[in-house]
């Protein structure tokens, strides 16, 4: 089997393993990731709570981020900074910036509370 094909399959397997099917419990990380702690957001908190915390501490929502949505429409008009892919396993991220830094807040769109699943630098 060619090396590239093996790598693609491994990458797909890793990505598929990281996404839980609806209704499956995903264990919370034992220790909150450093970036989430640094910005004061709890992993698994609802997006509205996380967003309010970020705005309170000086982060600005990137309102242009969500404009690139599927068909040019925002997925969540209430949250213009959220961009979602399309399809069954779509991933959604909210983008915030502060003092020359930007972060992406990944959320689970399959739950009404839109729980935060991770925070990464952009």
PDB file of N, CA and C in Angstrom:
ATOM      1  N   UNK A   1       0.853  -1.179   0.000  1.00  0.00           N
ATOM      2  CA  UNK A   1       0.000   0.000   0.000  1.00  0.00           C
ATOM      3  C   UNK A   1       0.897   1.239   0.000  1.00  0.00           C
ATOM      4  N   UNK A   2       0.635   2.190  -0.890  1.00  0.00           N
ATOM      5  CA  UNK A   2       1.464   3.402  -0.934  1.00  0.00           C
ATOM      6  C   UNK A   2       1.423   4.157   0.393  1.00  0.00           C
ATOM      7  N   UNK A   3       2.544   4.789   0.720  1.00  0.00           N
ATOM      8  CA  UNK A   3       2.688   5.520   1.983  1.00  0.00           C
ATOM      9  C   UNK A   3       1.617   6.588   2.160  1.00  0.00           C
ATOM     10  N   UNK A   4       1.327   7.356   1.099  1.00  0.00           N
ATOM     11  CA  UNK A   4       0.354   8.441   1.187  1.00  0.00           C
ATOM     12  C   UNK A   4      -1.036   7.903   1.531  1.00  0.00           C
ATOM     13  N   UNK A   5      -1.415   6.776   0.931  1.00  0.00           N
ATOM     14  CA  UNK A   5      -2.707   6.185   1.206  1.00  0.00           C
ATOM     15  C   UNK A   5      -2.794   5.727   2.661  1.00  0.00           C
ATOM     16  N   UNK A   6      -1.721   5.147   3.171  1.00  0.00           N
ATOM     17  CA  UNK A   6      -1.687   4.721   4.569  1.00  0.00           C
ATOM     18  C   UNK A   6      -1.860   5.924   5.481  1.00  0.00           C
ATOM     19  N   UNK A   7      -1.157   7.015   5.196  1.00  0.00           N
ATOM     20  CA  UNK A   7      -1.247   8.215   6.020  1.00  0.00           C
ATOM     21  C   UNK A   7      -2.660   8.794   5.987  1.00  0.00           C
ATOM     22  N   UNK A   8      -3.289   8.787   4.819  1.00  0.00           N
ATOM     23  CA  UNK A   8      -4.658   9.301   4.731  1.00  0.00           C
ATOM     24  C   UNK A   8      -5.599   8.468   5.579  1.00  0.00           C
ATOM     25  N   UNK A   9      -5.440   7.153   5.512  1.00  0.00           N
ATOM     26  CA  UNK A   9      -6.309   6.282   6.310  1.00  0.00           C
ATOM     27  C   UNK A   9      -6.065   6.492   7.794  1.00  0.00           C
ATOM     28  N   UNK A  10      -4.808   6.654   8.201  1.00  0.00           N
ATOM     29  CA  UNK A  10      -4.510   6.896   9.608  1.00  0.00           C
ATOM     30  C   UNK A  10      -5.081   8.231  10.056  1.00  0.00           C
ATOM     31  N   UNK A  11      -4.963   9.248   9.199  1.00  0.00           N
ATOM     32  CA  UNK A  11      -5.507  10.561   9.526  1.00  0.00           C
ATOM     33  C   UNK A  11      -7.021  10.480   9.655  1.00  0.00           C
ATOM     34  N   UNK A  12      -7.670   9.780   8.725  1.00  0.00           N
ATOM     35  CA  UNK A  12      -9.115   9.632   8.798  1.00  0.00           C
ATOM     36  C   UNK A  12      -9.509   8.899  10.069  1.00  0.00           C
ATOM     37  N   UNK A  13      -8.791   7.825  10.403  1.00  0.00           N
ATOM     38  CA  UNK A  13      -9.111   7.060  11.595  1.00  0.00           C
ATOM     39  C   UNK A  13      -8.972   7.920  12.847  1.00  0.00           C
ATOM     40  N   UNK A  14      -7.916   8.700  12.922  1.00  0.00           N
ATOM     41  CA  UNK A  14      -7.707   9.561  14.090  1.00  0.00           C
ATOM     42  C   UNK A  14      -8.825  10.594  14.198  1.00  0.00           C
ATOM     43  N   UNK A  15      -9.207  11.183  13.069  1.00  0.00           N
ATOM     44  CA  UNK A  15     -10.281  12.186  13.088  1.00  0.00           C
ATOM     45  C   UNK A  15     -11.610  11.540  13.445  1.00  0.00           C
ATOM     46  N   UNK A  16     -11.885  10.372  12.885  1.00  0.00           N
ATOM     47  CA  UNK A  16     -13.145   9.689  13.177  1.00  0.00           C
ATOM     48  C   UNK A  16     -13.200   9.248  14.630  1.00  0.00           C
ATOM     49  N   UNK A  17     -12.088   8.869  15.185  1.00  0.00           N
ATOM     50  CA  UNK A  17     -12.048   8.432  16.577  1.00  0.00           C
ATOM     51  C   UNK A  17     -12.280   9.584  17.534  1.00  0.00           C
ATOM     52  N   UNK A  18     -11.936  10.788  17.120  1.00  0.00           N
ATOM     53  CA  UNK A  18     -12.058  11.956  17.994  1.00  0.00           C
ATOM     54  C   UNK A  18     -13.482  12.496  18.044  1.00  0.00           C
ATOM     55  N   UNK A  19     -14.335  12.085  17.098  1.00  0.00           N
ATOM     56  CA  UNK A  19     -15.702  12.587  17.036  1.00  0.00           C
ATOM     57  C   UNK A  19     -16.635  11.508  17.556  1.00  0.00           C
ATOM     58  N   UNK A  20     -17.412  11.828  18.554  1.00  0.00           N
ATOM     59  CA  UNK A  20     -18.349  10.855  19.115  1.00  0.00           C
ATOM     60  C   UNK A  20     -19.660  10.904  18.352  1.00  0.00           C
ATOM     61  N   UNK A  21     -20.294   9.763  18.234  1.00  0.00           N
ATOM     62  CA  UNK A  21     -21.609   9.707  17.608  1.00  0.00           C
ATOM     63  C   UNK A  21     -22.615  10.351  18.558  1.00  0.00           C
ATOM     64  N   UNK A  22     -23.703  10.903  18.016  1.00  0.00           N
ATOM     65  CA  UNK A  22     -24.710  11.515  18.876  1.00  0.00           C
ATOM     66  C   UNK A  22     -25.174  10.524  19.945  1.00  0.00           C
ATOM     67  N   UNK A  23     -25.271  11.001  21.171  1.00  0.00           N
ATOM     68  CA  UNK A  23     -25.714  10.151  22.257  1.00  0.00           C
ATOM     69  C   UNK A  23     -24.596   9.430  22.992  1.00  0.00           C
ATOM     70  N   UNK A  24     -23.393   9.433  22.446  1.00  0.00           N
ATOM     71  CA  UNK A  24     -22.269   8.782  23.106  1.00  0.00           C
ATOM     72  C   UNK A  24     -21.630   9.764  24.059  1.00  0.00           C
ATOM     73  N   UNK A  25     -21.251   9.289  25.195  1.00  0.00           N
ATOM     74  CA  UNK A  25     -20.579  10.152  26.168  1.00  0.00           C
ATOM     75  C   UNK A  25     -19.110  10.284  25.802  1.00  0.00           C
ATOM     76  N   UNK A  26     -18.622  11.480  25.848  1.00  0.00           N
ATOM     77  CA  UNK A  26     -17.209  11.735  25.601  1.00  0.00           C
ATOM     78  C   UNK A  26     -16.603  12.173  26.920  1.00  0.00           C
ATOM     79  N   UNK A  27     -15.603  11.445  27.421  1.00  0.00           N
ATOM     80  CA  UNK A  27     -15.033  11.830  28.711  1.00  0.00           C
ATOM     81  C   UNK A  27     -14.365  13.199  28.633  1.00  0.00           C
ATOM     82  N   UNK A  28     -14.593  14.004  29.662  1.00  0.00           N
ATOM     83  CA  UNK A  28     -13.966  15.316  29.731  1.00  0.00           C
ATOM     84  C   UNK A  28     -12.485  15.135  30.028  1.00  0.00           C
ATOM     85  N   UNK A  29     -11.648  16.028  29.532  1.00  0.00           N
ATOM     86  CA  UNK A  29     -10.228  15.921  29.829  1.00  0.00           C
ATOM     87  C   UNK A  29      -9.998  16.040  31.342  1.00  0.00           C
ATOM     88  N   UNK A  30      -9.034  15.283  31.844  1.00  0.00           N
ATOM     89  CA  UNK A  30      -8.748  15.293  33.276  1.00  0.00           C
ATOM     90  C   UNK A  30      -8.229  16.654  33.725  1.00  0.00           C
ATOM     91  N   UNK A  31      -7.429  17.289  32.897  1.00  0.00           N
ATOM     92  CA  UNK A  31      -6.863  18.595  33.221  1.00  0.00           C
ATOM     93  C   UNK A  31      -7.276  19.549  32.111  1.00  0.00           C
ATOM     94  N   UNK A  32      -7.847  20.713  32.447  1.00  0.00           N
ATOM     95  CA  UNK A  32      -8.248  21.623  31.378  1.00  0.00           C
ATOM     96  C   UNK A  32      -7.042  22.076  30.569  1.00  0.00           C
ATOM     97  N   UNK A  33      -7.198  22.137  29.257  1.00  0.00           N
ATOM     98  CA  UNK A  33      -6.093  22.601  28.428  1.00  0.00           C
ATOM     99  C   UNK A  33      -5.623  23.992  28.860  1.00  0.00           C
ATOM    100  N   UNK A  34      -4.342  24.226  28.710  1.00  0.00           N
ATOM    101  CA  UNK A  34      -3.723  25.470  29.189  1.00  0.00           C
ATOM    102  C   UNK A  34      -4.351  26.726  28.583  1.00  0.00           C
ATOM    103  N   UNK A  35      -4.619  26.719  27.293  1.00  0.00           N
ATOM    104  CA  UNK A  35      -5.171  27.915  26.657  1.00  0.00           C
ATOM    105  C   UNK A  35      -6.579  28.212  27.185  1.00  0.00           C
ATOM    106  N   UNK A  36      -7.391  27.189  27.361  1.00  0.00           N
ATOM    107  CA  UNK A  36      -8.737  27.399  27.899  1.00  0.00           C
ATOM    108  C   UNK A  36      -8.647  28.010  29.293  1.00  0.00           C
ATOM    109  N   UNK A  37      -7.749  27.491  30.106  1.00  0.00           N
ATOM    110  CA  UNK A  37      -7.567  28.046  31.456  1.00  0.00           C
ATOM    111  C   UNK A  37      -7.067  29.479  31.394  1.00  0.00           C
ATOM    112  N   UNK A  38      -6.145  29.742  30.487  1.00  0.00           N
ATOM    113  CA  UNK A  38      -5.555  31.075  30.374  1.00  0.00           C
ATOM    114  C   UNK A  38      -6.593  32.135  29.999  1.00  0.00           C
ATOM    115  N   UNK A  39      -7.581  31.758  29.189  1.00  0.00           N
ATOM    116  CA  UNK A  39      -8.598  32.735  28.787  1.00  0.00           C
ATOM    117  C   UNK A  39      -9.832  32.669  29.679  1.00  0.00           C
ATOM    118  N   UNK A  40      -9.820  31.768  30.657  1.00  0.00           N
ATOM    119  CA  UNK A  40     -10.906  31.704  31.632  1.00  0.00           C
ATOM    120  C   UNK A  40     -12.155  30.996  31.180  1.00  0.00           C
ATOM    121  N   UNK A  41     -12.020  30.073  30.221  1.00  0.00           N
ATOM    122  CA  UNK A  41     -13.177  29.340  29.708  1.00  0.00           C
ATOM    123  C   UNK A  41     -13.062  27.874  30.111  1.00  0.00           C
ATOM    124  N   UNK A  42     -14.158  27.333  30.608  1.00  0.00           N
ATOM    125  CA  UNK A  42     -14.188  25.919  30.992  1.00  0.00           C
ATOM    126  C   UNK A  42     -14.601  25.068  29.798  1.00  0.00           C
ATOM    127  N   UNK A  43     -13.815  24.046  29.515  1.00  0.00           N
ATOM    128  CA  UNK A  43     -14.196  23.089  28.485  1.00  0.00           C
ATOM    129  C   UNK A  43     -15.513  22.459  28.932  1.00  0.00           C
ATOM    130  N   UNK A  44     -16.414  22.235  28.015  1.00  0.00           N
ATOM    131  CA  UNK A  44     -17.762  21.693  28.234  1.00  0.00           C
ATOM    132  C   UNK A  44     -18.761  22.742  28.722  1.00  0.00           C
ATOM    133  N   UNK A  45     -18.323  23.999  28.934  1.00  0.00           N
ATOM    134  CA  UNK A  45     -19.299  25.035  29.263  1.00  0.00           C
ATOM    135  C   UNK A  45     -20.066  25.376  27.994  1.00  0.00           C
ATOM    136  N   UNK A  46     -21.253  25.916  28.139  1.00  0.00           N
ATOM    137  CA  UNK A  46     -22.035  26.320  26.984  1.00  0.00           C
ATOM    138  C   UNK A  46     -21.372  27.493  26.273  1.00  0.00           C
ATOM    139  N   UNK A  47     -21.602  27.590  24.973  1.00  0.00           N
ATOM    140  CA  UNK A  47     -20.953  28.644  24.189  1.00  0.00           C
ATOM    141  C   UNK A  47     -21.358  30.033  24.679  1.00  0.00           C
ATOM    142  N   UNK A  48     -22.620  30.231  25.045  1.00  0.00           N
ATOM    143  CA  UNK A  48     -23.069  31.559  25.509  1.00  0.00           C
ATOM    144  C   UNK A  48     -22.275  31.995  26.734  1.00  0.00           C
ATOM    145  N   UNK A  49     -22.028  31.070  27.649  1.00  0.00           N
ATOM    146  CA  UNK A  49     -21.255  31.371  28.859  1.00  0.00           C
ATOM    147  C   UNK A  49     -19.806  31.678  28.509  1.00  0.00           C
ATOM    148  N   UNK A  50     -19.214  30.838  27.654  1.00  0.00           N
ATOM    149  CA  UNK A  50     -17.818  31.038  27.241  1.00  0.00           C
ATOM    150  C   UNK A  50     -17.659  32.361  26.509  1.00  0.00           C
ATOM    151  N   UNK A  51     -18.585  32.664  25.622  1.00  0.00           N
ATOM    152  CA  UNK A  51     -18.538  33.908  24.856  1.00  0.00           C
ATOM    153  C   UNK A  51     -18.610  35.114  25.781  1.00  0.00           C
ATOM    154  N   UNK A  52     -19.548  35.074  26.736  1.00  0.00           N
ATOM    155  CA  UNK A  52     -19.696  36.186  27.687  1.00  0.00           C
ATOM    156  C   UNK A  52     -18.407  36.388  28.474  1.00  0.00           C
ATOM    157  N   UNK A  53     -17.766  35.306  28.894  1.00  0.00           N
ATOM    158  CA  UNK A  53     -16.499  35.398  29.640  1.00  0.00           C
ATOM    159  C   UNK A  53     -15.411  36.032  28.779  1.00  0.00           C
ATOM    160  N   UNK A  54     -15.317  35.613  27.532  1.00  0.00           N
ATOM    161  CA  UNK A  54     -14.296  36.181  26.641  1.00  0.00           C
ATOM    162  C   UNK A  54     -14.535  37.673  26.416  1.00  0.00           C
ATOM    163  N   UNK A  55     -15.768  38.056  26.159  1.00  0.00           N
ATOM    164  CA  UNK A  55     -16.077  39.467  25.931  1.00  0.00           C
ATOM    165  C   UNK A  55     -15.803  40.300  27.181  1.00  0.00           C
ATOM    166  N   UNK A  56     -16.123  39.742  28.346  1.00  0.00           N
ATOM    167  CA  UNK A  56     -15.880  40.432  29.623  1.00  0.00           C
ATOM    168  C   UNK A  56     -14.395  40.686  29.855  1.00  0.00           C
ATOM    169  N   UNK A  57     -13.551  39.805  29.350  1.00  0.00           N
ATOM    170  CA  UNK A  57     -12.103  39.935  29.583  1.00  0.00           C
ATOM    171  C   UNK A  57     -11.363  40.572  28.410  1.00  0.00           C
ATOM    172  N   UNK A  58     -12.109  41.262  27.547  1.00  0.00           N
ATOM    173  CA  UNK A  58     -11.473  42.064  26.506  1.00  0.00           C
ATOM    174  C   UNK A  58     -11.292  41.413  25.150  1.00  0.00           C
ATOM    175  N   UNK A  59     -11.697  40.166  24.993  1.00  0.00           N
ATOM    176  CA  UNK A  59     -11.629  39.537  23.675  1.00  0.00           C
ATOM    177  C   UNK A  59     -12.748  40.101  22.820  1.00  0.00           C
ATOM    178  N   UNK A  60     -12.500  40.271  21.540  1.00  0.00           N
ATOM    179  CA  UNK A  60     -13.490  40.791  20.598  1.00  0.00           C
ATOM    180  C   UNK A  60     -13.910  39.669  19.655  1.00  0.00           C
ATOM    181  N   UNK A  61     -15.221  39.540  19.457  1.00  0.00           N
ATOM    182  CA  UNK A  61     -15.737  38.554  18.517  1.00  0.00           C
ATOM    183  C   UNK A  61     -15.410  39.004  17.096  1.00  0.00           C
ATOM    184  N   UNK A  62     -14.894  38.100  16.279  1.00  0.00           N
ATOM    185  CA  UNK A  62     -14.573  38.398  14.884  1.00  0.00           C
ATOM    186  C   UNK A  62     -15.843  38.192  14.058  1.00  0.00           C
ATOM    187  N   UNK A  63     -16.614  39.254  13.913  1.00  0.00           N
ATOM    188  CA  UNK A  63     -17.910  39.189  13.236  1.00  0.00           C
ATOM    189  C   UNK A  63     -17.796  38.783  11.770  1.00  0.00           C
ATOM    190  N   UNK A  64     -16.639  38.962  11.161  1.00  0.00           N
ATOM    191  CA  UNK A  64     -16.485  38.601   9.754  1.00  0.00           C
ATOM    192  C   UNK A  64     -16.235  37.099   9.568  1.00  0.00           C
ATOM    193  N   UNK A  65     -15.849  36.409  10.632  1.00  0.00           N
ATOM    194  CA  UNK A  65     -15.520  34.974  10.550  1.00  0.00           C
ATOM    195  C   UNK A  65     -16.715  34.158  10.056  1.00  0.00           C
ATOM    196  N   UNK A  66     -17.893  34.402  10.591  1.00  0.00           N
ATOM    197  CA  UNK A  66     -19.076  33.622  10.238  1.00  0.00           C
ATOM    198  C   UNK A  66     -19.657  33.933   8.877  1.00  0.00           C
ATOM    199  N   UNK A  67     -19.221  35.015   8.237  1.00  0.00           N
ATOM    200  CA  UNK A  67     -19.749  35.389   6.920  1.00  0.00           C
ATOM    201  C   UNK A  67     -19.381  34.409   5.830  1.00  0.00           C
ATOM    202  N   UNK A  68     -18.343  33.616   6.062  1.00  0.00           N
ATOM    203  CA  UNK A  68     -17.902  32.660   5.055  1.00  0.00           C
ATOM    204  C   UNK A  68     -18.672  31.347   5.146  1.00  0.00           C
ATOM    205  N   UNK A  69     -19.793  31.341   5.864  1.00  0.00           N
ATOM    206  CA  UNK A  69     -20.577  30.127   6.071  1.00  0.00           C
ATOM    207  C   UNK A  69     -21.092  29.526   4.777  1.00  0.00           C
ATOM    208  N   UNK A  70     -21.672  28.349   4.889  1.00  0.00           N
ATOM    209  CA  UNK A  70     -22.208  27.625   3.740  1.00  0.00           C
ATOM    210  C   UNK A  70     -23.229  28.501   3.036  1.00  0.00           C
ATOM    211  N   UNK A  71     -23.036  28.744   1.767  1.00  0.00           N
ATOM    212  CA  UNK A  71     -23.946  29.581   0.996  1.00  0.00           C
ATOM    213  C   UNK A  71     -23.914  31.042   1.409  1.00  0.00           C
ATOM    214  N   UNK A  72     -22.864  31.458   2.139  1.00  0.00           N
ATOM    215  CA  UNK A  72     -22.751  32.841   2.577  1.00  0.00           C
ATOM    216  C   UNK A  72     -23.686  33.202   3.716  1.00  0.00           C
ATOM    217  N   UNK A  73     -24.329  32.184   4.312  1.00  0.00           N
ATOM    218  CA  UNK A  73     -25.263  32.433   5.428  1.00  0.00           C
ATOM    219  C   UNK A  73     -24.596  32.098   6.748  1.00  0.00           C
ATOM    220  N   UNK A  74     -24.975  32.827   7.767  1.00  0.00           N
ATOM    221  CA  UNK A  74     -24.481  32.546   9.120  1.00  0.00           C
ATOM    222  C   UNK A  74     -25.264  31.362   9.685  1.00  0.00           C
ATOM    223  N   UNK A  75     -24.558  30.467  10.355  1.00  0.00           N
ATOM    224  CA  UNK A  75     -25.228  29.329  10.965  1.00  0.00           C
ATOM    225  C   UNK A  75     -26.023  29.763  12.187  1.00  0.00           C
ATOM    226  N   UNK A  76     -25.422  30.648  12.989  1.00  0.00           N
ATOM    227  CA  UNK A  76     -26.060  31.153  14.201  1.00  0.00           C
ATOM    228  C   UNK A  76     -26.079  32.672  14.125  1.00  0.00           C
ATOM    229  N   UNK A  77     -27.168  33.277  13.631  1.00  0.00           N
ATOM    230  CA  UNK A  77     -27.222  34.736  13.516  1.00  0.00           C
ATOM    231  C   UNK A  77     -26.923  35.446  14.840  1.00  0.00           C
ATOM    232  N   UNK A  78     -27.252  34.805  15.957  1.00  0.00           N
ATOM    233  CA  UNK A  78     -26.981  35.391  17.270  1.00  0.00           C
ATOM    234  C   UNK A  78     -25.485  35.465  17.557  1.00  0.00           C
ATOM    235  N   UNK A  79     -24.724  34.583  16.916  1.00  0.00           N
ATOM    236  CA  UNK A  79     -23.270  34.519  17.109  1.00  0.00           C
ATOM    237  C   UNK A  79     -22.572  34.700  15.757  1.00  0.00           C
ATOM    238  N   UNK A  80     -22.421  35.939  15.298  1.00  0.00           N
ATOM    239  CA  UNK A  80     -21.855  36.168  13.968  1.00  0.00           C
ATOM    240  C   UNK A  80     -20.409  35.701  13.822  1.00  0.00           C
ATOM    241  N   UNK A  81     -19.726  35.450  14.936  1.00  0.00           N
ATOM    242  CA  UNK A  81     -18.339  35.005  14.889  1.00  0.00           C
ATOM    243  C   UNK A  81     -18.195  33.500  14.721  1.00  0.00           C
ATOM    244  N   UNK A  82     -19.317  32.769  14.640  1.00  0.00           N
ATOM    245  CA  UNK A  82     -19.263  31.307  14.524  1.00  0.00           C
ATOM    246  C   UNK A  82     -19.380  30.881  13.070  1.00  0.00           C
ATOM    247  N   UNK A  83     -18.465  30.031  12.668  1.00  0.00           N
ATOM    248  CA  UNK A  83     -18.440  29.461  11.323  1.00  0.00           C
ATOM    249  C   UNK A  83     -18.562  27.952  11.452  1.00  0.00           C
ATOM    250  N   UNK A  84     -19.479  27.370  10.691  1.00  0.00           N
ATOM    251  CA  UNK A  84     -19.663  25.915  10.718  1.00  0.00           C
ATOM    252  C   UNK A  84     -19.471  25.343   9.320  1.00  0.00           C
ATOM    253  N   UNK A  85     -18.941  24.154   9.303  1.00  0.00           N
ATOM    254  CA  UNK A  85     -18.880  23.411   8.053  1.00  0.00           C
ATOM    255  C   UNK A  85     -20.273  22.880   7.760  1.00  0.00           C
ATOM    256  N   UNK A  86     -20.382  21.997   6.791  1.00  0.00           N
ATOM    257  CA  UNK A  86     -21.678  21.407   6.513  1.00  0.00           C
ATOM    258  C   UNK A  86     -21.542  19.892   6.533  1.00  0.00           C
ATOM    259  N   UNK A  87     -22.656  19.231   6.671  1.00  0.00           N
ATOM    260  CA  UNK A  87     -22.646  17.779   6.721  1.00  0.00           C
ATOM    261  C   UNK A  87     -22.882  17.263   8.127  1.00  0.00           C
ATOM    262  N   UNK A  88     -22.980  15.973   8.237  1.00  0.00           N
ATOM    263  CA  UNK A  88     -23.319  15.327   9.507  1.00  0.00           C
ATOM    264  C   UNK A  88     -22.293  15.581  10.595  1.00  0.00           C
ATOM    265  N   UNK A  89     -21.032  15.563  10.262  1.00  0.00           N
ATOM    266  CA  UNK A  89     -19.967  15.744  11.252  1.00  0.00           C
ATOM    267  C   UNK A  89     -19.338  17.125  11.167  1.00  0.00           C
ATOM    268  N   UNK A  90     -20.164  18.123  10.876  1.00  0.00           N
ATOM    269  CA  UNK A  90     -19.651  19.488  10.738  1.00  0.00           C
ATOM    270  C   UNK A  90     -19.008  19.964  12.037  1.00  0.00           C
ATOM    271  N   UNK A  91     -17.996  20.762  11.882  1.00  0.00           N
ATOM    272  CA  UNK A  91     -17.296  21.362  13.010  1.00  0.00           C
ATOM    273  C   UNK A  91     -17.609  22.848  12.996  1.00  0.00           C
ATOM    274  N   UNK A  92     -17.825  23.416  14.191  1.00  0.00           N
ATOM    275  CA  UNK A  92     -18.111  24.844  14.308  1.00  0.00           C
ATOM    276  C   UNK A  92     -17.061  25.507  15.191  1.00  0.00           C
ATOM    277  N   UNK A  93     -16.652  26.708  14.789  1.00  0.00           N
ATOM    278  CA  UNK A  93     -15.697  27.468  15.587  1.00  0.00           C
ATOM    279  C   UNK A  93     -16.139  28.918  15.685  1.00  0.00           C
ATOM    280  N   UNK A  94     -15.879  29.493  16.850  1.00  0.00           N
ATOM    281  CA  UNK A  94     -16.067  30.923  17.041  1.00  0.00           C
ATOM    282  C   UNK A  94     -14.675  31.537  17.096  1.00  0.00           C
ATOM    283  N   UNK A  95     -14.486  32.676  16.454  1.00  0.00           N
ATOM    284  CA  UNK A  95     -13.158  33.299  16.414  1.00  0.00           C
ATOM    285  C   UNK A  95     -13.182  34.610  17.193  1.00  0.00           C
ATOM    286  N   UNK A  96     -12.168  34.775  18.046  1.00  0.00           N
ATOM    287  CA  UNK A  96     -12.018  35.979  18.870  1.00  0.00           C
ATOM    288  C   UNK A  96     -10.596  36.495  18.741  1.00  0.00           C
ATOM    289  N   UNK A  97     -10.418  37.816  18.917  1.00  0.00           N
ATOM    290  CA  UNK A  97      -9.071  38.391  18.851  1.00  0.00           C
ATOM    291  C   UNK A  97      -8.880  39.412  19.963  1.00  0.00           C
ATOM    292  N   UNK A  98      -7.609  39.567  20.347  1.00  0.00           N
ATOM    293  CA  UNK A  98      -7.255  40.515  21.412  1.00  0.00           C
ATOM    294  C   UNK A  98      -5.756  40.755  21.340  1.00  0.00           C
ATOM    295  N   UNK A  99      -5.362  42.007  21.296  1.00  0.00           N
ATOM    296  CA  UNK A  99      -3.952  42.416  21.355  1.00  0.00           C
ATOM    297  C   UNK A  99      -3.064  41.639  20.370  1.00  0.00           C
ATOM    298  N   UNK A 100      -3.535  41.503  19.145  1.00  0.00           N
ATOM    299  CA  UNK A 100      -2.723  40.837  18.125  1.00  0.00           C
ATOM    300  C   UNK A 100      -2.761  39.319  18.162  1.00  0.00           C
ATOM    301  N   UNK A 101      -3.548  38.739  19.043  1.00  0.00           N
ATOM    302  CA  UNK A 101      -3.693  37.288  19.126  1.00  0.00           C
ATOM    303  C   UNK A 101      -5.110  36.909  18.724  1.00  0.00           C
ATOM    304  N   UNK A 102      -5.258  35.715  18.184  1.00  0.00           N
ATOM    305  CA  UNK A 102      -6.586  35.226  17.823  1.00  0.00           C
ATOM    306  C   UNK A 102      -6.731  33.794  18.330  1.00  0.00           C
ATOM    307  N   UNK A 103      -7.946  33.464  18.759  1.00  0.00           N
ATOM    308  CA  UNK A 103      -8.234  32.108  19.205  1.00  0.00           C
ATOM    309  C   UNK A 103      -9.474  31.591  18.493  1.00  0.00           C
ATOM    310  N   UNK A 104      -9.540  30.277  18.369  1.00  0.00           N
ATOM    311  CA  UNK A 104     -10.702  29.604  17.815  1.00  0.00           C
ATOM    312  C   UNK A 104     -11.326  28.770  18.921  1.00  0.00           C
ATOM    313  N   UNK A 105     -12.597  28.992  19.169  1.00  0.00           N
ATOM    314  CA  UNK A 105     -13.337  28.249  20.185  1.00  0.00           C
ATOM    315  C   UNK A 105     -14.178  27.210  19.449  1.00  0.00           C
ATOM    316  N   UNK A 106     -13.797  25.942  19.567  1.00  0.00           N
ATOM    317  CA  UNK A 106     -14.517  24.875  18.889  1.00  0.00           C
ATOM    318  C   UNK A 106     -15.715  24.467  19.738  1.00  0.00           C
ATOM    319  N   UNK A 107     -16.871  24.330  19.073  1.00  0.00           N
ATOM    320  CA  UNK A 107     -18.098  23.974  19.782  1.00  0.00           C
ATOM    321  C   UNK A 107     -18.749  22.756  19.136  1.00  0.00           C
ATOM    322  N   UNK A 108     -19.560  22.074  19.919  1.00  0.00           N
ATOM    323  CA  UNK A 108     -20.286  20.903  19.446  1.00  0.00           C
ATOM    324  C   UNK A 108     -21.673  21.357  18.994  1.00  0.00           C
ATOM    325  N   UNK A 109     -21.932  21.377  17.679  1.00  0.00           N
ATOM    326  CA  UNK A 109     -23.218  21.868  17.195  1.00  0.00           C
ATOM    327  C   UNK A 109     -24.359  20.863  17.368  1.00  0.00           C
ATOM    328  N   UNK A 110     -24.049  19.654  17.826  1.00  0.00           N
ATOM    329  CA  UNK A 110     -25.076  18.637  17.983  1.00  0.00           C
ATOM    330  C   UNK A 110     -25.794  18.715  19.334  1.00  0.00           C
ATOM    331  N   UNK A 111     -25.450  19.707  20.132  1.00  0.00           N
ATOM    332  CA  UNK A 111     -26.099  19.905  21.431  1.00  0.00           C
ATOM    333  C   UNK A 111     -26.642  21.323  21.489  1.00  0.00           C
ATOM    334  N   UNK A 112     -27.833  21.497  22.041  1.00  0.00           N
ATOM    335  CA  UNK A 112     -28.445  22.830  22.123  1.00  0.00           C
ATOM    336  C   UNK A 112     -27.574  23.842  22.854  1.00  0.00           C
ATOM    337  N   UNK A 113     -26.865  23.397  23.887  1.00  0.00           N
ATOM    338  CA  UNK A 113     -26.037  24.308  24.675  1.00  0.00           C
ATOM    339  C   UNK A 113     -24.772  24.717  23.931  1.00  0.00           C
ATOM    340  N   UNK A 114     -24.475  24.073  22.819  1.00  0.00           N
ATOM    341  CA  UNK A 114     -23.241  24.336  22.061  1.00  0.00           C
ATOM    342  C   UNK A 114     -22.026  24.289  22.976  1.00  0.00           C
ATOM    343  N   UNK A 115     -21.763  23.145  23.619  1.00  0.00           N
ATOM    344  CA  UNK A 115     -20.636  23.080  24.550  1.00  0.00           C
ATOM    345  C   UNK A 115     -19.289  23.290  23.857  1.00  0.00           C
ATOM    346  N   UNK A 116     -18.398  23.967  24.564  1.00  0.00           N
ATOM    347  CA  UNK A 116     -17.040  24.203  24.083  1.00  0.00           C
ATOM    348  C   UNK A 116     -16.265  22.897  24.189  1.00  0.00           C
ATOM    349  N   UNK A 117     -15.632  22.496  23.093  1.00  0.00           N
ATOM    350  CA  UNK A 117     -14.861  21.250  23.110  1.00  0.00           C
ATOM    351  C   UNK A 117     -13.359  21.488  23.152  1.00  0.00           C
ATOM    352  N   UNK A 118     -12.923  22.644  22.644  1.00  0.00           N
ATOM    353  CA  UNK A 118     -11.501  22.981  22.717  1.00  0.00           C
ATOM    354  C   UNK A 118     -11.312  24.441  22.343  1.00  0.00           C
ATOM    355  N   UNK A 119     -10.133  24.953  22.685  1.00  0.00           N
ATOM    356  CA  UNK A 119      -9.752  26.313  22.293  1.00  0.00           C
ATOM    357  C   UNK A 119      -8.337  26.231  21.761  1.00  0.00           C
ATOM    358  N   UNK A 120      -8.127  26.791  20.595  1.00  0.00           N
ATOM    359  CA  UNK A 120      -6.820  26.743  19.944  1.00  0.00           C
ATOM    360  C   UNK A 120      -6.429  28.132  19.462  1.00  0.00           C
ATOM    361  N   UNK A 121      -5.124  28.348  19.342  1.00  0.00           N
ATOM    362  CA  UNK A 121      -4.655  29.600  18.738  1.00  0.00           C
ATOM    363  C   UNK A 121      -4.909  29.547  17.247  1.00  0.00           C
ATOM    364  N   UNK A 122      -5.155  30.706  16.670  1.00  0.00           N
ATOM    365  CA  UNK A 122      -5.371  30.779  15.221  1.00  0.00           C
ATOM    366  C   UNK A 122      -4.179  31.441  14.584  1.00  0.00           C
TER     367      UNK A 122
END
